[in-house]
C-alpha cells in the first residue's frame, strides 16, 4: 500500500495505478472555520479491469466494527491477482465519528436523508456530495453497520431477497440471520439501489467497540463477494453455521417508562406469548411484563436498562 496520502476534490478511479493501492483524503464540505471536511478513501485497483465494489462503514459515527473490516481486507489484498477495483470508505460520517455519536453535527441521521440535497442543510449537502462523488463510481455496494448505543445485534444482513444479485450477496456473508427488507427511502442502501447499484446492509455487531470474532466474519463475507464477482481468484468460504432467513422483522417498544430487563438473548427463538422482558419502577416494583406477539428469532435487543416510554425492547425476526 502506498503510504502517501493524496488530497483530492474528485475521485477518479483511473488516477490510481493498476496493480496498486492508494489512499486519499477527499474533500466533501467545509466547517465553520473554512477548513475542509475530508473523507478517507482507499482504492485497490487490480492488474486487470473488472467490476468496482464499494465498501462503506461508519455512516453512523459510533459504529466501528466496519472500519476494521475494511482495514483488514485491504491489508491482505494482492492487487496483482485482482480483476477489478475496490473502493473502501472506512468512515463515511466524519463529524459524527469525531463526536462519537450516531448523528451528524446538526443532529440529523444521514441514513434517513440519502441522497441528500444539492442546496440543503449541512447534513443534506454532505450526503449529496458523498453520493455524487463516491457512490456513483461503484458498481456494487456493501454498507457496514452495527447496533447503536444501548443495543446489541446479531451478525445479520438486510437485503432485498427478491433480487438475484442482492440475494446472493446476502447468502455469501455466512451471517447468523438474513432479514428480507426492500431498501428504504433515505438510506444509503436505498439511494444506491435507486442508482441501479445492487446493495446490501451488513450489521456487524455492537457499537463503540472492535469485536474480533465478528470482524473476522465480516471480512470473510466481503471476501466471498469479491470471489463471486471475480475480482479476486480465491474460493468462496462456505459457512459452517446455518443462516436463519426471515421474511420480515420489527422492533417491540415499551409503552411505559422504567428500568427494563430483557430476558432473552441474541439468536434465541421465542414462542408466541413467551415472557421476554420486565419493566420496573425505581423502587423495584414491577410495572409491566412484555410478551412475544408471535414466534420469531431475536435479531437485536436493548441492553440499556434506563428506558422511557417508547424505548426499544427486542428486534424480532419472523421466518
C-alpha atoms as a PDB file:
ATOM      1  CA  UNK A   1       0.000   0.000   0.000  1.00  0.00           C
ATOM      2  CA  UNK A   2       1.235   3.465  -0.914  1.00  0.00           C
ATOM      3  CA  UNK A   3       1.669   5.347   2.387  1.00  0.00           C
ATOM      4  CA  UNK A   4       1.492   8.751   0.701  1.00  0.00           C
ATOM      5  CA  UNK A   5      -1.991  10.166   1.300  1.00  0.00           C
ATOM      6  CA  UNK A   6      -3.147  12.409  -1.529  1.00  0.00           C
ATOM      7  CA  UNK A   7      -5.681  15.206  -1.085  1.00  0.00           C
ATOM      8  CA  UNK A   8      -8.288  15.311  -3.857  1.00  0.00           C
ATOM      9  CA  UNK A   9     -11.532  17.081  -4.736  1.00  0.00           C
ATOM     10  CA  UNK A  10     -12.872  14.364  -7.029  1.00  0.00           C
ATOM     11  CA  UNK A  11     -12.451  10.589  -7.062  1.00  0.00           C
ATOM     12  CA  UNK A  12     -11.271   9.283 -10.417  1.00  0.00           C
ATOM     13  CA  UNK A  13     -10.529   5.586 -10.189  1.00  0.00           C
ATOM     14  CA  UNK A  14      -8.241   5.816 -13.204  1.00  0.00           C
ATOM     15  CA  UNK A  15      -5.914   8.061 -11.171  1.00  0.00           C
ATOM     16  CA  UNK A  16      -4.974   5.019  -9.094  1.00  0.00           C
ATOM     17  CA  UNK A  17      -2.404   2.994 -10.996  1.00  0.00           C
ATOM     18  CA  UNK A  18      -3.294  -0.546 -11.954  1.00  0.00           C
ATOM     19  CA  UNK A  19      -1.918  -3.201  -9.598  1.00  0.00           C
ATOM     20  CA  UNK A  20      -1.724  -0.771  -6.680  1.00  0.00           C
ATOM     21  CA  UNK A  21      -3.458   0.508  -3.559  1.00  0.00           C
ATOM     22  CA  UNK A  22      -3.739   4.240  -2.946  1.00  0.00           C
ATOM     23  CA  UNK A  23      -5.271   6.176  -0.053  1.00  0.00           C
ATOM     24  CA  UNK A  24      -6.862   9.594  -0.424  1.00  0.00           C
ATOM     25  CA  UNK A  25      -8.462  12.396   1.554  1.00  0.00           C
ATOM     26  CA  UNK A  26     -11.455  13.533  -0.498  1.00  0.00           C
ATOM     27  CA  UNK A  27     -12.898  16.959   0.346  1.00  0.00           C
ATOM     28  CA  UNK A  28     -16.673  16.933   0.759  1.00  0.00           C
ATOM     29  CA  UNK A  29     -17.583  20.117   2.641  1.00  0.00           C
ATOM     30  CA  UNK A  30     -16.082  22.781   4.922  1.00  0.00           C
ATOM     31  CA  UNK A  31     -16.527  23.568   8.601  1.00  0.00           C
ATOM     32  CA  UNK A  32     -17.320  26.970  10.120  1.00  0.00           C
ATOM     33  CA  UNK A  33     -13.615  27.910  10.084  1.00  0.00           C
ATOM     34  CA  UNK A  34     -13.452  27.318   6.361  1.00  0.00           C
ATOM     35  CA  UNK A  35     -11.384  24.162   6.832  1.00  0.00           C
ATOM     36  CA  UNK A  36     -12.028  21.150   4.622  1.00  0.00           C
ATOM     37  CA  UNK A  37     -14.044  18.235   5.964  1.00  0.00           C
ATOM     38  CA  UNK A  38     -12.400  15.393   4.077  1.00  0.00           C
ATOM     39  CA  UNK A  39     -13.316  11.741   3.921  1.00  0.00           C
ATOM     40  CA  UNK A  40     -10.817   8.828   3.823  1.00  0.00           C
ATOM     41  CA  UNK A  41     -10.871   6.739   0.656  1.00  0.00           C
ATOM     42  CA  UNK A  42      -8.953   3.519  -0.001  1.00  0.00           C
ATOM     43  CA  UNK A  43      -8.721   2.345  -3.610  1.00  0.00           C
ATOM     44  CA  UNK A  44      -7.322  -1.041  -4.597  1.00  0.00           C
ATOM     45  CA  UNK A  45      -7.055  -1.346  -8.362  1.00  0.00           C
ATOM     46  CA  UNK A  46      -6.288  -4.714  -9.866  1.00  0.00           C
ATOM     47  CA  UNK A  47      -3.850  -5.603 -12.583  1.00  0.00           C
ATOM     48  CA  UNK A  48      -6.811  -6.164 -14.901  1.00  0.00           C
ATOM     49  CA  UNK A  49     -10.085  -4.300 -15.351  1.00  0.00           C
ATOM     50  CA  UNK A  50     -13.289  -5.604 -13.810  1.00  0.00           C
ATOM     51  CA  UNK A  51     -16.186  -4.656 -11.521  1.00  0.00           C
ATOM     52  CA  UNK A  52     -15.960  -1.904  -8.911  1.00  0.00           C
ATOM     53  CA  UNK A  53     -17.094  -2.895  -5.411  1.00  0.00           C
ATOM     54  CA  UNK A  54     -17.776  -0.184  -2.846  1.00  0.00           C
ATOM     55  CA  UNK A  55     -17.390  -0.750   0.897  1.00  0.00           C
ATOM     56  CA  UNK A  56     -18.692   1.804   3.386  1.00  0.00           C
ATOM     57  CA  UNK A  57     -18.541   1.966   7.182  1.00  0.00           C
ATOM     58  CA  UNK A  58     -19.389   4.413   9.983  1.00  0.00           C
ATOM     59  CA  UNK A  59     -22.347   6.056   8.286  1.00  0.00           C
ATOM     60  CA  UNK A  60     -23.162   6.427  11.972  1.00  0.00           C
ATOM     61  CA  UNK A  61     -20.100   7.665  13.837  1.00  0.00           C
ATOM     62  CA  UNK A  62     -20.343   5.243  16.767  1.00  0.00           C
ATOM     63  CA  UNK A  63     -20.474   2.114  14.582  1.00  0.00           C
ATOM     64  CA  UNK A  64     -16.861   0.985  14.451  1.00  0.00           C
ATOM     65  CA  UNK A  65     -16.569  -2.709  13.546  1.00  0.00           C
ATOM     66  CA  UNK A  66     -16.967  -1.996   9.829  1.00  0.00           C
ATOM     67  CA  UNK A  67     -13.894   0.248   9.912  1.00  0.00           C
ATOM     68  CA  UNK A  68     -11.752  -2.685  10.979  1.00  0.00           C
ATOM     69  CA  UNK A  69     -13.388  -4.955   8.385  1.00  0.00           C
ATOM     70  CA  UNK A  70     -12.291  -2.600   5.593  1.00  0.00           C
ATOM     71  CA  UNK A  71      -8.807  -2.089   7.054  1.00  0.00           C
ATOM     72  CA  UNK A  72      -8.160  -5.815   7.406  1.00  0.00           C
ATOM     73  CA  UNK A  73      -9.489  -6.594   3.950  1.00  0.00           C
ATOM     74  CA  UNK A  74      -7.190  -4.047   2.297  1.00  0.00           C
ATOM     75  CA  UNK A  75      -4.209  -5.248   4.335  1.00  0.00           C
ATOM     76  CA  UNK A  76      -4.461  -8.722   2.802  1.00  0.00           C
ATOM     77  CA  UNK A  77      -5.238  -7.779  -0.808  1.00  0.00           C
ATOM     78  CA  UNK A  78      -2.997  -8.906  -3.657  1.00  0.00           C
ATOM     79  CA  UNK A  79      -3.693  -6.463  -6.476  1.00  0.00           C
ATOM     80  CA  UNK A  80      -1.508  -8.470  -8.851  1.00  0.00           C
ATOM     81  CA  UNK A  81      -4.225 -11.138  -8.999  1.00  0.00           C
ATOM     82  CA  UNK A  82      -7.217  -8.774  -8.930  1.00  0.00           C
ATOM     83  CA  UNK A  83      -9.571  -8.154 -11.842  1.00  0.00           C
ATOM     84  CA  UNK A  84     -11.399  -5.004 -10.863  1.00  0.00           C
ATOM     85  CA  UNK A  85     -11.366  -2.336  -8.179  1.00  0.00           C
ATOM     86  CA  UNK A  86     -12.352  -1.997  -4.531  1.00  0.00           C
ATOM     87  CA  UNK A  87     -13.278   1.422  -3.154  1.00  0.00           C
ATOM     88  CA  UNK A  88     -13.300   1.451   0.648  1.00  0.00           C
ATOM     89  CA  UNK A  89     -14.627   4.279   2.808  1.00  0.00           C
ATOM     90  CA  UNK A  90     -13.765   3.341   6.411  1.00  0.00           C
ATOM     91  CA  UNK A  91     -15.517   6.405   7.865  1.00  0.00           C
ATOM     92  CA  UNK A  92     -18.402   7.968   5.944  1.00  0.00           C
ATOM     93  CA  UNK A  93     -19.708  10.353   8.596  1.00  0.00           C
ATOM     94  CA  UNK A  94     -16.664  12.336   9.722  1.00  0.00           C
ATOM     95  CA  UNK A  95     -18.416  14.855  12.026  1.00  0.00           C
ATOM     96  CA  UNK A  96     -20.356  12.170  13.913  1.00  0.00           C
ATOM     97  CA  UNK A  97     -17.269   9.939  14.138  1.00  0.00           C
ATOM     98  CA  UNK A  98     -15.281  12.738  15.780  1.00  0.00           C
ATOM     99  CA  UNK A  99     -18.117  13.301  18.267  1.00  0.00           C
ATOM    100  CA  UNK A 100     -18.568   9.574  18.902  1.00  0.00           C
ATOM    101  CA  UNK A 101     -22.241   9.984  18.059  1.00  0.00           C
ATOM    102  CA  UNK A 102     -24.736   8.368  15.698  1.00  0.00           C
ATOM    103  CA  UNK A 103     -25.951  11.567  14.071  1.00  0.00           C
ATOM    104  CA  UNK A 104     -24.351  14.340  12.028  1.00  0.00           C
ATOM    105  CA  UNK A 105     -23.304  17.519  13.843  1.00  0.00           C
ATOM    106  CA  UNK A 106     -26.648  19.168  13.010  1.00  0.00           C
ATOM    107  CA  UNK A 107     -28.488  16.357  14.823  1.00  0.00           C
ATOM    108  CA  UNK A 108     -29.649  14.577  11.660  1.00  0.00           C
ATOM    109  CA  UNK A 109     -29.259  10.859  10.914  1.00  0.00           C
ATOM    110  CA  UNK A 110     -27.788  10.881   7.399  1.00  0.00           C
ATOM    111  CA  UNK A 111     -29.016   7.316   6.832  1.00  0.00           C
ATOM    112  CA  UNK A 112     -32.538   8.742   6.753  1.00  0.00           C
ATOM    113  CA  UNK A 113     -31.961  11.550   4.235  1.00  0.00           C
ATOM    114  CA  UNK A 114     -29.900   9.979   1.438  1.00  0.00           C
ATOM    115  CA  UNK A 115     -29.217  11.069  -1.273  1.00  0.00           C
ATOM    116  CA  UNK A 116     -29.418  14.482   0.378  1.00  0.00           C
ATOM    117  CA  UNK A 117     -29.821  17.758  -1.495  1.00  0.00           C
ATOM    118  CA  UNK A 118     -27.520  19.969  -3.535  1.00  0.00           C
ATOM    119  CA  UNK A 119     -28.905  23.043  -1.785  1.00  0.00           C
ATOM    120  CA  UNK A 120     -29.938  21.751   1.622  1.00  0.00           C
ATOM    121  CA  UNK A 121     -28.873  21.905   5.237  1.00  0.00           C
ATOM    122  CA  UNK A 122     -25.436  20.750   6.407  1.00  0.00           C
ATOM    123  CA  UNK A 123     -26.230  17.040   6.578  1.00  0.00           C
ATOM    124  CA  UNK A 124     -28.141  17.085   3.276  1.00  0.00           C
ATOM    125  CA  UNK A 125     -25.280  18.749   1.391  1.00  0.00           C
ATOM    126  CA  UNK A 126     -22.749  16.343   2.928  1.00  0.00           C
ATOM    127  CA  UNK A 127     -24.890  13.332   1.973  1.00  0.00           C
ATOM    128  CA  UNK A 128     -25.481  14.583  -1.549  1.00  0.00           C
ATOM    129  CA  UNK A 129     -21.799  15.142  -2.223  1.00  0.00           C
ATOM    130  CA  UNK A 130     -20.956  11.723  -0.787  1.00  0.00           C
ATOM    131  CA  UNK A 131     -23.390  10.048  -3.179  1.00  0.00           C
ATOM    132  CA  UNK A 132     -22.238  12.042  -6.199  1.00  0.00           C
ATOM    133  CA  UNK A 133     -18.501  11.924  -5.542  1.00  0.00           C
ATOM    134  CA  UNK A 134     -18.171   8.320  -4.359  1.00  0.00           C
ATOM    135  CA  UNK A 135     -21.206   6.048  -4.608  1.00  0.00           C
ATOM    136  CA  UNK A 136     -21.863   6.848  -8.264  1.00  0.00           C
ATOM    137  CA  UNK A 137     -18.372   5.499  -9.040  1.00  0.00           C
ATOM    138  CA  UNK A 138     -19.097   1.912  -7.887  1.00  0.00           C
ATOM    139  CA  UNK A 139     -20.997  -0.983  -9.460  1.00  0.00           C
ATOM    140  CA  UNK A 140     -21.949  -2.745  -6.210  1.00  0.00           C
ATOM    141  CA  UNK A 141     -22.121  -1.677  -2.567  1.00  0.00           C
ATOM    142  CA  UNK A 142     -21.745  -3.380   0.808  1.00  0.00           C
ATOM    143  CA  UNK A 143     -22.701  -0.979   3.611  1.00  0.00           C
ATOM    144  CA  UNK A 144     -21.351  -1.985   7.032  1.00  0.00           C
ATOM    145  CA  UNK A 145     -23.213  -1.021  10.209  1.00  0.00           C
ATOM    146  CA  UNK A 146     -23.591  -2.066  13.858  1.00  0.00           C
ATOM    147  CA  UNK A 147     -26.219  -1.627  16.543  1.00  0.00           C
ATOM    148  CA  UNK A 148     -26.460   1.797  18.170  1.00  0.00           C
ATOM    149  CA  UNK A 149     -25.944   2.926  21.770  1.00  0.00           C
ATOM    150  CA  UNK A 150     -27.774   0.805  24.322  1.00  0.00           C
ATOM    151  CA  UNK A 151     -28.452  -2.042  21.896  1.00  0.00           C
ATOM    152  CA  UNK A 152     -26.703  -5.172  20.637  1.00  0.00           C
ATOM    153  CA  UNK A 153     -27.052  -7.009  17.329  1.00  0.00           C
ATOM    154  CA  UNK A 154     -26.523 -10.459  15.975  1.00  0.00           C
ATOM    155  CA  UNK A 155     -24.428 -10.708  12.794  1.00  0.00           C
ATOM    156  CA  UNK A 156     -27.248 -10.138  10.341  1.00  0.00           C
ATOM    157  CA  UNK A 157     -27.973  -8.852   6.851  1.00  0.00           C
ATOM    158  CA  UNK A 158     -30.669  -6.596   5.456  1.00  0.00           C
ATOM    159  CA  UNK A 159     -31.208  -7.399   1.800  1.00  0.00           C
ATOM    160  CA  UNK A 160     -33.880  -7.474  -0.867  1.00  0.00           C
ATOM    161  CA  UNK A 161     -34.088 -11.251  -1.284  1.00  0.00           C
ATOM    162  CA  UNK A 162     -36.384 -10.911  -4.305  1.00  0.00           C
ATOM    163  CA  UNK A 163     -33.449  -9.681  -6.408  1.00  0.00           C
ATOM    164  CA  UNK A 164     -30.921 -12.330  -7.522  1.00  0.00           C
ATOM    165  CA  UNK A 165     -27.749 -10.273  -7.023  1.00  0.00           C
ATOM    166  CA  UNK A 166     -28.533  -8.878  -3.572  1.00  0.00           C
ATOM    167  CA  UNK A 167     -29.879 -12.272  -2.501  1.00  0.00           C
ATOM    168  CA  UNK A 168     -26.569 -13.850  -3.489  1.00  0.00           C
ATOM    169  CA  UNK A 169     -24.555 -11.146  -1.712  1.00  0.00           C
ATOM    170  CA  UNK A 170     -26.571 -11.780   1.461  1.00  0.00           C
ATOM    171  CA  UNK A 171     -26.155 -15.550   1.351  1.00  0.00           C
ATOM    172  CA  UNK A 172     -22.401 -15.198   0.808  1.00  0.00           C
ATOM    173  CA  UNK A 173     -21.976 -13.414   4.150  1.00  0.00           C
ATOM    174  CA  UNK A 174     -22.411 -16.560   6.223  1.00  0.00           C
ATOM    175  CA  UNK A 175     -24.454 -14.445   8.628  1.00  0.00           C
ATOM    176  CA  UNK A 176     -26.469 -15.687  11.564  1.00  0.00           C
ATOM    177  CA  UNK A 177     -29.647 -14.075  10.241  1.00  0.00           C
ATOM    178  CA  UNK A 178     -30.833 -12.553   6.959  1.00  0.00           C
ATOM    179  CA  UNK A 179     -33.847 -10.245   7.027  1.00  0.00           C
ATOM    180  CA  UNK A 180     -35.647  -9.642   3.739  1.00  0.00           C
ATOM    181  CA  UNK A 181     -36.113  -5.893   3.533  1.00  0.00           C
ATOM    182  CA  UNK A 182     -36.525  -3.910   0.319  1.00  0.00           C
ATOM    183  CA  UNK A 183     -34.304  -0.807   0.532  1.00  0.00           C
ATOM    184  CA  UNK A 184     -35.866   2.072   2.453  1.00  0.00           C
ATOM    185  CA  UNK A 185     -36.099   5.635   1.231  1.00  0.00           C
ATOM    186  CA  UNK A 186     -33.430   7.796   2.813  1.00  0.00           C
ATOM    187  CA  UNK A 187     -30.908   5.047   3.500  1.00  0.00           C
ATOM    188  CA  UNK A 188     -27.559   4.733   1.770  1.00  0.00           C
ATOM    189  CA  UNK A 189     -28.619   1.314   0.503  1.00  0.00           C
ATOM    190  CA  UNK A 190     -31.844   2.778  -0.849  1.00  0.00           C
ATOM    191  CA  UNK A 191     -30.043   5.657  -2.587  1.00  0.00           C
ATOM    192  CA  UNK A 192     -27.576   3.240  -4.182  1.00  0.00           C
ATOM    193  CA  UNK A 193     -30.370   0.954  -5.376  1.00  0.00           C
ATOM    194  CA  UNK A 194     -32.132   3.959  -6.926  1.00  0.00           C
ATOM    195  CA  UNK A 195     -28.963   4.464  -8.968  1.00  0.00           C
ATOM    196  CA  UNK A 196     -29.071   0.834 -10.119  1.00  0.00           C
ATOM    197  CA  UNK A 197     -26.275  -0.255  -7.760  1.00  0.00           C
ATOM    198  CA  UNK A 198     -27.067  -3.611  -6.075  1.00  0.00           C
ATOM    199  CA  UNK A 199     -26.530  -3.098  -2.333  1.00  0.00           C
ATOM    200  CA  UNK A 200     -26.924  -4.837   1.000  1.00  0.00           C
ATOM    201  CA  UNK A 201     -26.552  -3.711   4.602  1.00  0.00           C
ATOM    202  CA  UNK A 202     -24.287  -5.813   6.820  1.00  0.00           C
ATOM    203  CA  UNK A 203     -24.904  -5.441  10.558  1.00  0.00           C
ATOM    204  CA  UNK A 204     -21.587  -6.322  12.198  1.00  0.00           C
ATOM    205  CA  UNK A 205     -22.278  -6.494  15.930  1.00  0.00           C
ATOM    206  CA  UNK A 206     -22.234  -3.765  18.542  1.00  0.00           C
ATOM    207  CA  UNK A 207     -21.301  -0.043  18.732  1.00  0.00           C
ATOM    208  CA  UNK A 208     -18.355   1.733  20.367  1.00  0.00           C
ATOM    209  CA  UNK A 209     -16.018  -1.275  20.111  1.00  0.00           C
ATOM    210  CA  UNK A 210     -13.944  -3.591  17.958  1.00  0.00           C
ATOM    211  CA  UNK A 211     -15.181  -7.191  18.232  1.00  0.00           C
ATOM    212  CA  UNK A 212     -12.543  -9.514  16.799  1.00  0.00           C
ATOM    213  CA  UNK A 213     -14.735 -12.525  16.111  1.00  0.00           C
ATOM    214  CA  UNK A 214     -17.499 -10.692  14.307  1.00  0.00           C
ATOM    215  CA  UNK A 215     -14.994  -8.510  12.415  1.00  0.00           C
ATOM    216  CA  UNK A 216     -13.401 -11.705  11.120  1.00  0.00           C
ATOM    217  CA  UNK A 217     -16.828 -12.913   9.989  1.00  0.00           C
ATOM    218  CA  UNK A 218     -17.392  -9.594   8.236  1.00  0.00           C
ATOM    219  CA  UNK A 219     -14.079  -9.856   6.388  1.00  0.00           C
ATOM    220  CA  UNK A 220     -14.941 -13.388   5.267  1.00  0.00           C
ATOM    221  CA  UNK A 221     -18.307 -12.263   3.918  1.00  0.00           C
ATOM    222  CA  UNK A 222     -16.821  -9.392   1.909  1.00  0.00           C
ATOM    223  CA  UNK A 223     -14.080 -11.722   0.678  1.00  0.00           C
ATOM    224  CA  UNK A 224     -16.757 -14.120  -0.580  1.00  0.00           C
ATOM    225  CA  UNK A 225     -18.463 -11.347  -2.559  1.00  0.00           C
ATOM    226  CA  UNK A 226     -15.128 -10.393  -4.141  1.00  0.00           C
ATOM    227  CA  UNK A 227     -14.624 -14.025  -5.139  1.00  0.00           C
ATOM    228  CA  UNK A 228     -18.170 -14.293  -6.503  1.00  0.00           C
ATOM    229  CA  UNK A 229     -17.692 -11.161  -8.637  1.00  0.00           C
ATOM    230  CA  UNK A 230     -14.378 -12.482  -9.964  1.00  0.00           C
ATOM    231  CA  UNK A 231     -12.397  -9.569  -8.523  1.00  0.00           C
ATOM    232  CA  UNK A 232     -10.160 -11.972  -6.610  1.00  0.00           C
ATOM    233  CA  UNK A 233      -9.384 -15.577  -7.651  1.00  0.00           C
ATOM    234  CA  UNK A 234      -9.921 -17.152  -4.228  1.00  0.00           C
ATOM    235  CA  UNK A 235     -12.543 -19.779  -3.478  1.00  0.00           C
ATOM    236  CA  UNK A 236     -15.717 -18.899  -1.616  1.00  0.00           C
ATOM    237  CA  UNK A 237     -15.537 -19.927   2.036  1.00  0.00           C
ATOM    238  CA  UNK A 238     -18.651 -21.861   2.948  1.00  0.00           C
ATOM    239  CA  UNK A 239     -20.237 -21.069   6.302  1.00  0.00           C
ATOM    240  CA  UNK A 240     -20.264 -23.886   8.840  1.00  0.00           C
ATOM    241  CA  UNK A 241     -23.253 -22.403  10.625  1.00  0.00           C
ATOM    242  CA  UNK A 242     -26.793 -22.285   9.326  1.00  0.00           C
ATOM    243  CA  UNK A 243     -28.346 -18.937   8.442  1.00  0.00           C
ATOM    244  CA  UNK A 244     -31.874 -18.133   9.574  1.00  0.00           C
ATOM    245  CA  UNK A 245     -33.895 -16.461   6.810  1.00  0.00           C
ATOM    246  CA  UNK A 246     -36.586 -14.017   7.931  1.00  0.00           C
ATOM    247  CA  UNK A 247     -39.321 -12.678   5.684  1.00  0.00           C
ATOM    248  CA  UNK A 248     -39.627  -9.569   7.868  1.00  0.00           C
ATOM    249  CA  UNK A 249     -38.624  -8.110  11.224  1.00  0.00           C
ATOM    250  CA  UNK A 250     -39.709  -5.360  13.578  1.00  0.00           C
ATOM    251  CA  UNK A 251     -38.911  -3.784  16.946  1.00  0.00           C
ATOM    252  CA  UNK A 252     -41.081  -4.064  20.035  1.00  0.00           C
ATOM    253  CA  UNK A 253     -41.303  -0.913  22.185  1.00  0.00           C
ATOM    254  CA  UNK A 254     -42.283  -0.117  25.750  1.00  0.00           C
ATOM    255  CA  UNK A 255     -45.429   1.897  26.391  1.00  0.00           C
ATOM    256  CA  UNK A 256     -44.329   2.941  29.886  1.00  0.00           C
ATOM    257  CA  UNK A 257     -41.041   4.171  31.321  1.00  0.00           C
ATOM    258  CA  UNK A 258     -38.850   2.472  33.922  1.00  0.00           C
ATOM    259  CA  UNK A 259     -35.938   0.079  34.344  1.00  0.00           C
ATOM    260  CA  UNK A 260     -36.013  -2.621  31.686  1.00  0.00           C
ATOM    261  CA  UNK A 261     -34.696  -6.164  31.957  1.00  0.00           C
ATOM    262  CA  UNK A 262     -34.706  -8.185  28.733  1.00  0.00           C
ATOM    263  CA  UNK A 263     -34.786 -11.923  29.481  1.00  0.00           C
ATOM    264  CA  UNK A 264     -33.908 -13.304  26.046  1.00  0.00           C
ATOM    265  CA  UNK A 265     -30.557 -13.402  24.255  1.00  0.00           C
ATOM    266  CA  UNK A 266     -29.495 -12.773  20.676  1.00  0.00           C
ATOM    267  CA  UNK A 267     -30.491 -15.576  18.286  1.00  0.00           C
ATOM    268  CA  UNK A 268     -32.923 -17.082  20.778  1.00  0.00           C
ATOM    269  CA  UNK A 269     -36.084 -18.490  19.243  1.00  0.00           C
ATOM    270  CA  UNK A 270     -39.161 -17.317  21.133  1.00  0.00           C
ATOM    271  CA  UNK A 271     -42.706 -18.606  21.069  1.00  0.00           C
ATOM    272  CA  UNK A 272     -45.872 -16.545  20.940  1.00  0.00           C
ATOM    273  CA  UNK A 273     -46.746 -15.183  24.405  1.00  0.00           C
ATOM    274  CA  UNK A 274     -43.288 -16.046  25.800  1.00  0.00           C
ATOM    275  CA  UNK A 275     -42.162 -13.661  28.559  1.00  0.00           C
ATOM    276  CA  UNK A 276     -39.370 -11.554  27.033  1.00  0.00           C
ATOM    277  CA  UNK A 277     -38.915  -8.513  29.297  1.00  0.00           C
ATOM    278  CA  UNK A 278     -39.880  -6.915  32.596  1.00  0.00           C
ATOM    279  CA  UNK A 279     -40.219  -3.210  33.374  1.00  0.00           C
ATOM    280  CA  UNK A 280     -39.810  -1.995  36.971  1.00  0.00           C
ATOM    281  CA  UNK A 281     -40.074   1.385  38.632  1.00  0.00           C
ATOM    282  CA  UNK A 282     -37.180   2.974  40.514  1.00  0.00           C
ATOM    283  CA  UNK A 283     -38.305   1.224  43.731  1.00  0.00           C
ATOM    284  CA  UNK A 284     -38.138  -2.213  42.109  1.00  0.00           C
ATOM    285  CA  UNK A 285     -41.861  -2.730  41.703  1.00  0.00           C
ATOM    286  CA  UNK A 286     -42.997  -4.431  38.506  1.00  0.00           C
ATOM    287  CA  UNK A 287     -44.783  -2.023  36.198  1.00  0.00           C
ATOM    288  CA  UNK A 288     -45.359  -4.387  33.305  1.00  0.00           C
ATOM    289  CA  UNK A 289     -44.250  -7.640  31.735  1.00  0.00           C
ATOM    290  CA  UNK A 290     -43.781  -7.915  27.979  1.00  0.00           C
ATOM    291  CA  UNK A 291     -44.501 -10.987  25.869  1.00  0.00           C
ATOM    292  CA  UNK A 292     -43.635 -12.034  22.326  1.00  0.00           C
ATOM    293  CA  UNK A 293     -46.529 -11.178  19.980  1.00  0.00           C
ATOM    294  CA  UNK A 294     -45.623 -14.092  17.709  1.00  0.00           C
ATOM    295  CA  UNK A 295     -43.000 -16.754  17.145  1.00  0.00           C
ATOM    296  CA  UNK A 296     -39.631 -15.472  15.947  1.00  0.00           C
ATOM    297  CA  UNK A 297     -35.894 -15.064  16.482  1.00  0.00           C
ATOM    298  CA  UNK A 298     -34.113 -12.335  18.445  1.00  0.00           C
ATOM    299  CA  UNK A 299     -32.154 -10.262  15.904  1.00  0.00           C
ATOM    300  CA  UNK A 300     -31.209  -7.492  18.333  1.00  0.00           C
ATOM    301  CA  UNK A 301     -32.152  -6.229  21.772  1.00  0.00           C
ATOM    302  CA  UNK A 302     -31.845  -3.374  24.232  1.00  0.00           C
ATOM    303  CA  UNK A 303     -29.128  -3.636  26.893  1.00  0.00           C
ATOM    304  CA  UNK A 304     -29.667  -0.226  28.480  1.00  0.00           C
ATOM    305  CA  UNK A 305     -31.973  -0.638  31.495  1.00  0.00           C
ATOM    306  CA  UNK A 306     -32.921   3.064  31.546  1.00  0.00           C
ATOM    307  CA  UNK A 307     -35.987   3.018  29.335  1.00  0.00           C
ATOM    308  CA  UNK A 308     -38.556   5.756  28.874  1.00  0.00           C
ATOM    309  CA  UNK A 309     -41.920   5.263  27.191  1.00  0.00           C
ATOM    310  CA  UNK A 310     -41.342   4.264  23.582  1.00  0.00           C
ATOM    311  CA  UNK A 311     -37.982   2.630  24.273  1.00  0.00           C
ATOM    312  CA  UNK A 312     -36.857  -0.414  22.330  1.00  0.00           C
ATOM    313  CA  UNK A 313     -37.122  -3.920  23.779  1.00  0.00           C
ATOM    314  CA  UNK A 314     -36.241  -6.505  21.127  1.00  0.00           C
ATOM    315  CA  UNK A 315     -35.811  -6.726  17.359  1.00  0.00           C
ATOM    316  CA  UNK A 316     -37.893  -9.747  16.340  1.00  0.00           C
ATOM    317  CA  UNK A 317     -37.291 -11.622  13.082  1.00  0.00           C
ATOM    318  CA  UNK A 318     -40.181 -13.590  11.574  1.00  0.00           C
ATOM    319  CA  UNK A 319     -39.445 -16.631   9.412  1.00  0.00           C
END
